[in-house]
C-alpha atoms as a PDB file:
ATOM      1  CA  UNK A   1      27.731-161.783 156.995  1.00  0.00           C
ATOM      2  CA  UNK A   2      26.238-160.620 153.559  1.00  0.00           C
ATOM      3  CA  UNK A   3      28.878-160.444 151.101  1.00  0.00           C
ATOM      4  CA  UNK A   4      28.021-158.204 147.620  1.00  0.00           C
ATOM      5  CA  UNK A   5      29.086-160.174 144.264  1.00  0.00           C
ATOM      6  CA  UNK A   6      28.766-157.433 141.045  1.00  0.00           C
ATOM      7  CA  UNK A   7      28.417-159.194 137.612  1.00  0.00           C
ATOM      8  CA  UNK A   8      30.233-157.216 135.252  1.00  0.00           C
ATOM      9  CA  UNK A   9      31.665-159.536 132.386  1.00  0.00           C
ATOM     10  CA  UNK A  10      30.084-158.408 129.732  1.00  0.00           C
ATOM     11  CA  UNK A  11      30.945-155.733 127.506  1.00  0.00           C
ATOM     12  CA  UNK A  12      27.472-153.966 126.503  1.00  0.00           C
ATOM     13  CA  UNK A  13      27.509-153.430 122.869  1.00  0.00           C
ATOM     14  CA  UNK A  14      24.026-151.426 123.213  1.00  0.00           C
ATOM     15  CA  UNK A  15      26.542-148.929 124.427  1.00  0.00           C
ATOM     16  CA  UNK A  16      28.080-148.192 121.376  1.00  0.00           C
ATOM     17  CA  UNK A  17      31.550-146.156 122.026  1.00  0.00           C
ATOM     18  CA  UNK A  18      30.950-145.732 126.094  1.00  0.00           C
ATOM     19  CA  UNK A  19      31.549-149.333 126.490  1.00  0.00           C
ATOM     20  CA  UNK A  20      34.905-149.684 122.961  1.00  0.00           C
ATOM     21  CA  UNK A  21      37.229-149.118 125.635  1.00  0.00           C
ATOM     22  CA  UNK A  22      36.078-149.896 128.911  1.00  0.00           C
ATOM     23  CA  UNK A  23      33.509-151.818 130.824  1.00  0.00           C
ATOM     24  CA  UNK A  24      29.886-150.910 130.449  1.00  0.00           C
ATOM     25  CA  UNK A  25      29.964-150.552 134.395  1.00  0.00           C
ATOM     26  CA  UNK A  26      32.421-147.850 134.012  1.00  0.00           C
ATOM     27  CA  UNK A  27      29.802-145.114 131.917  1.00  0.00           C
ATOM     28  CA  UNK A  28      29.230-142.096 134.365  1.00  0.00           C
ATOM     29  CA  UNK A  29      26.451-140.654 135.985  1.00  0.00           C
ATOM     30  CA  UNK A  30      27.010-137.434 137.342  1.00  0.00           C
ATOM     31  CA  UNK A  31      30.559-137.714 137.055  1.00  0.00           C
ATOM     32  CA  UNK A  32      30.377-140.739 138.870  1.00  0.00           C
ATOM     33  CA  UNK A  33      30.829-144.721 137.343  1.00  0.00           C
ATOM     34  CA  UNK A  34      27.950-146.246 137.954  1.00  0.00           C
ATOM     35  CA  UNK A  35      30.102-149.272 139.523  1.00  0.00           C
ATOM     36  CA  UNK A  36      30.835-146.195 142.117  1.00  0.00           C
ATOM     37  CA  UNK A  37      27.435-145.674 142.542  1.00  0.00           C
ATOM     38  CA  UNK A  38      27.097-149.618 143.701  1.00  0.00           C
ATOM     39  CA  UNK A  39      29.401-149.923 145.709  1.00  0.00           C
ATOM     40  CA  UNK A  40      28.617-146.937 147.686  1.00  0.00           C
ATOM     41  CA  UNK A  41      24.889-148.151 147.967  1.00  0.00           C
ATOM     42  CA  UNK A  42      26.125-151.793 148.946  1.00  0.00           C
ATOM     43  CA  UNK A  43      28.491-150.526 151.266  1.00  0.00           C
ATOM     44  CA  UNK A  44      25.890-148.160 152.652  1.00  0.00           C
ATOM     45  CA  UNK A  45      23.962-151.234 153.521  1.00  0.00           C
ATOM     46  CA  UNK A  46      26.512-152.447 155.807  1.00  0.00           C
ATOM     47  CA  UNK A  47      28.298-154.620 152.984  1.00  0.00           C
ATOM     48  CA  UNK A  48      31.965-154.233 153.081  1.00  0.00           C
ATOM     49  CA  UNK A  49      33.083-158.250 151.510  1.00  0.00           C
ATOM     50  CA  UNK A  50      32.590-157.330 147.484  1.00  0.00           C
ATOM     51  CA  UNK A  51      33.488-159.261 144.679  1.00  0.00           C
ATOM     52  CA  UNK A  52      33.380-159.053 141.109  1.00  0.00           C
ATOM     53  CA  UNK A  53      32.875-160.799 138.470  1.00  0.00           C
ATOM     54  CA  UNK A  54      35.084-159.834 135.205  1.00  0.00           C
ATOM     55  CA  UNK A  55      35.268-160.422 131.562  1.00  0.00           C
ATOM     56  CA  UNK A  56      35.439-157.661 128.896  1.00  0.00           C
ATOM     57  CA  UNK A  57      38.686-155.315 129.583  1.00  0.00           C
ATOM     58  CA  UNK A  58      39.000-157.298 133.230  1.00  0.00           C
ATOM     59  CA  UNK A  59      42.388-155.261 133.514  1.00  0.00           C
ATOM     60  CA  UNK A  60      40.361-151.986 133.607  1.00  0.00           C
ATOM     61  CA  UNK A  61      39.200-152.729 137.106  1.00  0.00           C
ATOM     62  CA  UNK A  62      42.155-151.702 140.056  1.00  0.00           C
ATOM     63  CA  UNK A  63      39.540-150.996 143.217  1.00  0.00           C
ATOM     64  CA  UNK A  64      40.686-153.514 146.023  1.00  0.00           C
ATOM     65  CA  UNK A  65      37.782-156.207 145.460  1.00  0.00           C
ATOM     66  CA  UNK A  66      37.564-159.537 145.050  1.00  0.00           C
ATOM     67  CA  UNK A  67      37.757-160.585 141.756  1.00  0.00           C
ATOM     68  CA  UNK A  68      36.358-163.832 139.781  1.00  0.00           C
ATOM     69  CA  UNK A  69      36.700-164.404 136.198  1.00  0.00           C
ATOM     70  CA  UNK A  70      34.419-165.244 133.149  1.00  0.00           C
ATOM     71  CA  UNK A  71      36.764-165.760 130.585  1.00  0.00           C
ATOM     72  CA  UNK A  72      33.814-167.354 128.503  1.00  0.00           C
ATOM     73  CA  UNK A  73      32.114-163.665 128.336  1.00  0.00           C
ATOM     74  CA  UNK A  74      32.430-163.549 125.023  1.00  0.00           C
ATOM     75  CA  UNK A  75      30.622-166.825 124.236  1.00  0.00           C
ATOM     76  CA  UNK A  76      28.031-167.343 127.153  1.00  0.00           C
ATOM     77  CA  UNK A  77      25.456-164.969 128.823  1.00  0.00           C
ATOM     78  CA  UNK A  78      24.867-163.373 133.055  1.00  0.00           C
ATOM     79  CA  UNK A  79      24.441-167.069 134.322  1.00  0.00           C
ATOM     80  CA  UNK A  80      28.280-168.383 133.277  1.00  0.00           C
ATOM     81  CA  UNK A  81      29.224-165.152 134.964  1.00  0.00           C
ATOM     82  CA  UNK A  82      27.010-166.136 138.295  1.00  0.00           C
ATOM     83  CA  UNK A  83      29.221-169.313 138.668  1.00  0.00           C
ATOM     84  CA  UNK A  84      32.529-168.068 138.525  1.00  0.00           C
ATOM     85  CA  UNK A  85      31.351-166.809 141.882  1.00  0.00           C
ATOM     86  CA  UNK A  86      30.241-170.147 143.128  1.00  0.00           C
ATOM     87  CA  UNK A  87      32.857-169.844 146.028  1.00  0.00           C
ATOM     88  CA  UNK A  88      31.293-167.400 147.520  1.00  0.00           C
ATOM     89  CA  UNK A  89      27.427-168.059 147.004  1.00  0.00           C
ATOM     90  CA  UNK A  90      28.173-171.805 148.512  1.00  0.00           C
ATOM     91  CA  UNK A  91      29.187-170.672 151.844  1.00  0.00           C
ATOM     92  CA  UNK A  92      27.852-166.859 152.679  1.00  0.00           C
ATOM     93  CA  UNK A  93      24.390-165.045 151.611  1.00  0.00           C
ATOM     94  CA  UNK A  94      25.561-163.107 148.830  1.00  0.00           C
ATOM     95  CA  UNK A  95      23.868-159.782 147.276  1.00  0.00           C
ATOM     96  CA  UNK A  96      24.030-160.113 143.288  1.00  0.00           C
ATOM     97  CA  UNK A  97      23.893-157.157 141.173  1.00  0.00           C
ATOM     98  CA  UNK A  98      23.948-156.597 137.500  1.00  0.00           C
ATOM     99  CA  UNK A  99      26.753-153.946 136.828  1.00  0.00           C
ATOM    100  CA  UNK A 100      24.587-151.601 134.438  1.00  0.00           C
ATOM    101  CA  UNK A 101      22.323-150.177 137.278  1.00  0.00           C
ATOM    102  CA  UNK A 102      22.200-147.990 140.311  1.00  0.00           C
ATOM    103  CA  UNK A 103      20.088-148.220 143.498  1.00  0.00           C
ATOM    104  CA  UNK A 104      19.924-146.898 146.564  1.00  0.00           C
ATOM    105  CA  UNK A 105      21.808-148.367 150.673  1.00  0.00           C
ATOM    106  CA  UNK A 106      18.039-148.811 151.789  1.00  0.00           C
ATOM    107  CA  UNK A 107      17.244-151.397 148.420  1.00  0.00           C
ATOM    108  CA  UNK A 108      20.137-153.242 149.091  1.00  0.00           C
ATOM    109  CA  UNK A 109      19.180-153.078 152.618  1.00  0.00           C
ATOM    110  CA  UNK A 110      15.391-153.853 152.226  1.00  0.00           C
ATOM    111  CA  UNK A 111      16.444-156.858 150.153  1.00  0.00           C
ATOM    112  CA  UNK A 112      19.080-158.401 152.672  1.00  0.00           C
ATOM    113  CA  UNK A 113      16.404-158.364 155.582  1.00  0.00           C
ATOM    114  CA  UNK A 114      13.757-160.567 153.356  1.00  0.00           C
ATOM    115  CA  UNK A 115      14.201-164.318 154.848  1.00  0.00           C
ATOM    116  CA  UNK A 116      13.957-166.434 152.164  1.00  0.00           C
ATOM    117  CA  UNK A 117      16.677-168.486 150.181  1.00  0.00           C
ATOM    118  CA  UNK A 118      16.140-166.380 146.991  1.00  0.00           C
ATOM    119  CA  UNK A 119      14.955-162.874 146.573  1.00  0.00           C
ATOM    120  CA  UNK A 120      14.929-160.193 144.715  1.00  0.00           C
ATOM    121  CA  UNK A 121      14.430-156.483 144.257  1.00  0.00           C
ATOM    122  CA  UNK A 122      11.942-155.339 141.673  1.00  0.00           C
ATOM    123  CA  UNK A 123       9.936-151.767 140.781  1.00  0.00           C
ATOM    124  CA  UNK A 124       5.736-151.586 141.624  1.00  0.00           C
ATOM    125  CA  UNK A 125       5.853-148.501 139.836  1.00  0.00           C
ATOM    126  CA  UNK A 126       7.981-149.906 136.921  1.00  0.00           C
ATOM    127  CA  UNK A 127       5.464-147.960 134.248  1.00  0.00           C
ATOM    128  CA  UNK A 128       6.387-144.815 135.399  1.00  0.00           C
ATOM    129  CA  UNK A 129      10.427-144.802 134.342  1.00  0.00           C
ATOM    130  CA  UNK A 130       9.599-147.367 131.235  1.00  0.00           C
ATOM    131  CA  UNK A 131       7.284-144.806 130.082  1.00  0.00           C
ATOM    132  CA  UNK A 132      10.112-142.326 130.098  1.00  0.00           C
ATOM    133  CA  UNK A 133      12.567-144.938 128.256  1.00  0.00           C
ATOM    134  CA  UNK A 134      10.529-146.010 125.728  1.00  0.00           C
ATOM    135  CA  UNK A 135       7.672-144.611 123.602  1.00  0.00           C
ATOM    136  CA  UNK A 136       6.122-147.847 123.515  1.00  0.00           C
ATOM    137  CA  UNK A 137       6.770-149.344 127.303  1.00  0.00           C
ATOM    138  CA  UNK A 138       5.403-152.900 126.554  1.00  0.00           C
ATOM    139  CA  UNK A 139       7.994-153.432 124.072  1.00  0.00           C
ATOM    140  CA  UNK A 140      10.631-153.788 126.475  1.00  0.00           C
ATOM    141  CA  UNK A 141       8.566-154.319 129.623  1.00  0.00           C
ATOM    142  CA  UNK A 142       8.598-158.344 130.774  1.00  0.00           C
ATOM    143  CA  UNK A 143       5.683-160.690 132.423  1.00  0.00           C
ATOM    144  CA  UNK A 144       6.384-160.061 136.411  1.00  0.00           C
ATOM    145  CA  UNK A 145       3.286-160.970 138.517  1.00  0.00           C
ATOM    146  CA  UNK A 146       2.893-162.644 142.370  1.00  0.00           C
ATOM    147  CA  UNK A 147       0.759-165.014 143.375  1.00  0.00           C
ATOM    148  CA  UNK A 148      -1.254-164.776 146.653  1.00  0.00           C
ATOM    149  CA  UNK A 149       1.389-165.592 149.183  1.00  0.00           C
ATOM    150  CA  UNK A 150       3.201-162.517 147.815  1.00  0.00           C
ATOM    151  CA  UNK A 151       5.830-164.174 146.217  1.00  0.00           C
ATOM    152  CA  UNK A 152       7.002-164.420 142.167  1.00  0.00           C
ATOM    153  CA  UNK A 153       4.653-166.318 140.067  1.00  0.00           C
ATOM    154  CA  UNK A 154       6.300-165.720 136.711  1.00  0.00           C
ATOM    155  CA  UNK A 155       8.460-163.472 134.792  1.00  0.00           C
ATOM    156  CA  UNK A 156      10.160-162.752 131.848  1.00  0.00           C
ATOM    157  CA  UNK A 157       7.246-163.055 129.274  1.00  0.00           C
ATOM    158  CA  UNK A 158       5.959-160.455 126.977  1.00  0.00           C
ATOM    159  CA  UNK A 159       2.511-159.072 127.573  1.00  0.00           C
ATOM    160  CA  UNK A 160      -0.312-157.205 125.389  1.00  0.00           C
ATOM    161  CA  UNK A 161      -0.958-154.646 128.500  1.00  0.00           C
ATOM    162  CA  UNK A 162       0.159-153.036 130.796  1.00  0.00           C
ATOM    163  CA  UNK A 163      -2.143-154.472 133.859  1.00  0.00           C
ATOM    164  CA  UNK A 164      -0.847-157.809 133.272  1.00  0.00           C
ATOM    165  CA  UNK A 165       2.725-156.016 135.250  1.00  0.00           C
ATOM    166  CA  UNK A 166       2.950-156.077 138.690  1.00  0.00           C
ATOM    167  CA  UNK A 167       6.541-154.598 139.106  1.00  0.00           C
ATOM    168  CA  UNK A 168       9.787-154.935 137.142  1.00  0.00           C
ATOM    169  CA  UNK A 169      13.041-156.949 137.863  1.00  0.00           C
ATOM    170  CA  UNK A 170      15.588-154.558 138.728  1.00  0.00           C
ATOM    171  CA  UNK A 171      18.952-157.149 138.365  1.00  0.00           C
ATOM    172  CA  UNK A 172      19.375-157.225 142.569  1.00  0.00           C
ATOM    173  CA  UNK A 173      19.162-160.737 144.022  1.00  0.00           C
ATOM    174  CA  UNK A 174      19.971-162.269 147.074  1.00  0.00           C
ATOM    175  CA  UNK A 175      21.033-165.695 147.600  1.00  0.00           C
ATOM    176  CA  UNK A 176      21.647-167.722 150.763  1.00  0.00           C
ATOM    177  CA  UNK A 177      24.095-170.910 150.328  1.00  0.00           C
ATOM    178  CA  UNK A 178      20.881-173.039 150.677  1.00  0.00           C
ATOM    179  CA  UNK A 179      19.235-171.471 147.667  1.00  0.00           C
ATOM    180  CA  UNK A 180      22.314-171.338 145.780  1.00  0.00           C
ATOM    181  CA  UNK A 181      22.758-175.035 145.959  1.00  0.00           C
ATOM    182  CA  UNK A 182      18.955-175.729 144.854  1.00  0.00           C
ATOM    183  CA  UNK A 183      20.403-173.214 141.704  1.00  0.00           C
ATOM    184  CA  UNK A 184      23.031-175.260 141.279  1.00  0.00           C
ATOM    185  CA  UNK A 185      21.626-179.109 141.131  1.00  0.00           C
ATOM    186  CA  UNK A 186      19.146-177.200 138.610  1.00  0.00           C
ATOM    187  CA  UNK A 187      21.968-175.922 136.270  1.00  0.00           C
ATOM    188  CA  UNK A 188      23.950-179.409 136.361  1.00  0.00           C
ATOM    189  CA  UNK A 189      20.984-180.928 134.929  1.00  0.00           C
ATOM    190  CA  UNK A 190      21.315-178.678 131.628  1.00  0.00           C
ATOM    191  CA  UNK A 191      24.361-178.941 129.448  1.00  0.00           C
ATOM    192  CA  UNK A 192      27.031-176.526 129.128  1.00  0.00           C
ATOM    193  CA  UNK A 193      26.082-174.846 125.894  1.00  0.00           C
ATOM    194  CA  UNK A 194      22.622-174.460 127.637  1.00  0.00           C
ATOM    195  CA  UNK A 195      24.154-172.588 130.672  1.00  0.00           C
ATOM    196  CA  UNK A 196      25.878-170.371 128.417  1.00  0.00           C
ATOM    197  CA  UNK A 197      23.134-169.310 126.692  1.00  0.00           C
ATOM    198  CA  UNK A 198      20.679-168.873 129.988  1.00  0.00           C
ATOM    199  CA  UNK A 199      20.418-165.481 131.147  1.00  0.00           C
ATOM    200  CA  UNK A 200      19.221-164.788 134.780  1.00  0.00           C
ATOM    201  CA  UNK A 201      15.620-164.244 133.897  1.00  0.00           C
ATOM    202  CA  UNK A 202      15.304-167.216 132.325  1.00  0.00           C
ATOM    203  CA  UNK A 203      17.019-169.004 135.372  1.00  0.00           C
ATOM    204  CA  UNK A 204      14.742-167.071 137.400  1.00  0.00           C
ATOM    205  CA  UNK A 205      11.796-169.223 135.355  1.00  0.00           C
ATOM    206  CA  UNK A 206      13.245-172.048 135.466  1.00  0.00           C
ATOM    207  CA  UNK A 207      13.431-171.989 139.319  1.00  0.00           C
ATOM    208  CA  UNK A 208       9.933-171.077 139.718  1.00  0.00           C
ATOM    209  CA  UNK A 209       9.382-173.925 137.122  1.00  0.00           C
ATOM    210  CA  UNK A 210      11.006-176.634 139.174  1.00  0.00           C
ATOM    211  CA  UNK A 211       8.739-175.063 142.393  1.00  0.00           C
ATOM    212  CA  UNK A 212      11.259-172.615 144.286  1.00  0.00           C
ATOM    213  CA  UNK A 213       9.865-169.847 146.218  1.00  0.00           C
ATOM    214  CA  UNK A 214      11.518-166.256 145.051  1.00  0.00           C
ATOM    215  CA  UNK A 215      10.929-163.456 147.458  1.00  0.00           C
ATOM    216  CA  UNK A 216      10.392-160.339 146.414  1.00  0.00           C
ATOM    217  CA  UNK A 217      11.651-156.836 147.628  1.00  0.00           C
ATOM    218  CA  UNK A 218      10.162-153.398 146.389  1.00  0.00           C
ATOM    219  CA  UNK A 219      12.858-150.903 145.427  1.00  0.00           C
ATOM    220  CA  UNK A 220      13.507-148.110 147.786  1.00  0.00           C
ATOM    221  CA  UNK A 221      14.160-144.700 146.499  1.00  0.00           C
ATOM    222  CA  UNK A 222      15.713-143.859 142.783  1.00  0.00           C
ATOM    223  CA  UNK A 223      17.253-146.553 140.124  1.00  0.00           C
ATOM    224  CA  UNK A 224      17.973-147.308 136.876  1.00  0.00           C
ATOM    225  CA  UNK A 225      19.408-150.216 134.278  1.00  0.00           C
ATOM    226  CA  UNK A 226      21.056-148.820 131.897  1.00  0.00           C
ATOM    227  CA  UNK A 227      20.793-150.312 128.414  1.00  0.00           C
ATOM    228  CA  UNK A 228      21.419-147.556 126.231  1.00  0.00           C
ATOM    229  CA  UNK A 229      23.802-143.872 126.043  1.00  0.00           C
ATOM    230  CA  UNK A 230      19.764-142.297 125.903  1.00  0.00           C
ATOM    231  CA  UNK A 231      19.583-144.275 129.723  1.00  0.00           C
ATOM    232  CA  UNK A 232      22.114-142.141 130.944  1.00  0.00           C
ATOM    233  CA  UNK A 233      20.860-138.604 129.320  1.00  0.00           C
ATOM    234  CA  UNK A 234      17.686-139.220 131.009  1.00  0.00           C
ATOM    235  CA  UNK A 235      18.562-140.270 134.368  1.00  0.00           C
ATOM    236  CA  UNK A 236      21.281-137.338 134.112  1.00  0.00           C
ATOM    237  CA  UNK A 237      17.536-135.274 133.861  1.00  0.00           C
ATOM    238  CA  UNK A 238      15.519-137.342 136.231  1.00  0.00           C
ATOM    239  CA  UNK A 239      17.949-137.602 139.265  1.00  0.00           C
ATOM    240  CA  UNK A 240      19.970-135.578 140.976  1.00  0.00           C
ATOM    241  CA  UNK A 241      23.556-136.581 142.257  1.00  0.00           C
ATOM    242  CA  UNK A 242      22.178-136.073 146.280  1.00  0.00           C
ATOM    243  CA  UNK A 243      19.004-138.450 145.206  1.00  0.00           C
ATOM    244  CA  UNK A 244      20.918-140.966 143.732  1.00  0.00           C
ATOM    245  CA  UNK A 245      22.915-141.027 147.117  1.00  0.00           C
ATOM    246  CA  UNK A 246      19.165-142.105 148.791  1.00  0.00           C
END
């Protein structure tokens, strides 16, 4: 039975006053927290065992979830937060979600159906959204190329042309226990400081370099990532509540 883990330890300082007193996933879109949209999508995909990794303002969370802690959230990155949920990742297939994104139940269900030890959701039509979020989309977008088998080939590098990018990673992943074993083996070869600095995209690059196949699953319906207050303002214009419910 698939479980889901939301990684919500970081503060999200680029959100300014919106995260001065609350976690980033408490920012509201159409009157509901990003966290509420995430929980609805995960449950809508049939996932009932839900966990969350806390850090910044962890006391704000009171939902009936299984909680994990990253006490080093101020001094570490996303991979250290992911490691806090090792007990789940090692025993059950897990959907892993960033806490600053929203997506549909259909996207979660499609990702969960992918038969691979590691799979990630992505947006093949990323340029439409990035062109509305950024004056220069390439200033933020990173490489994302697929190989002949349709698996991930490259990710996370700077590009000079739009046609070098076949999609954008969404911050939504799936690990099987067998896949997690490979991740843990790789991380055990790194020092603690290296692991603390490691973000998820960098981890995916390291796994590719180690020869691990990474499957992909295209987004279904509405989605977005929230890096700044301006993103929330844009999404209020782009998506109705009905569209967000998918």
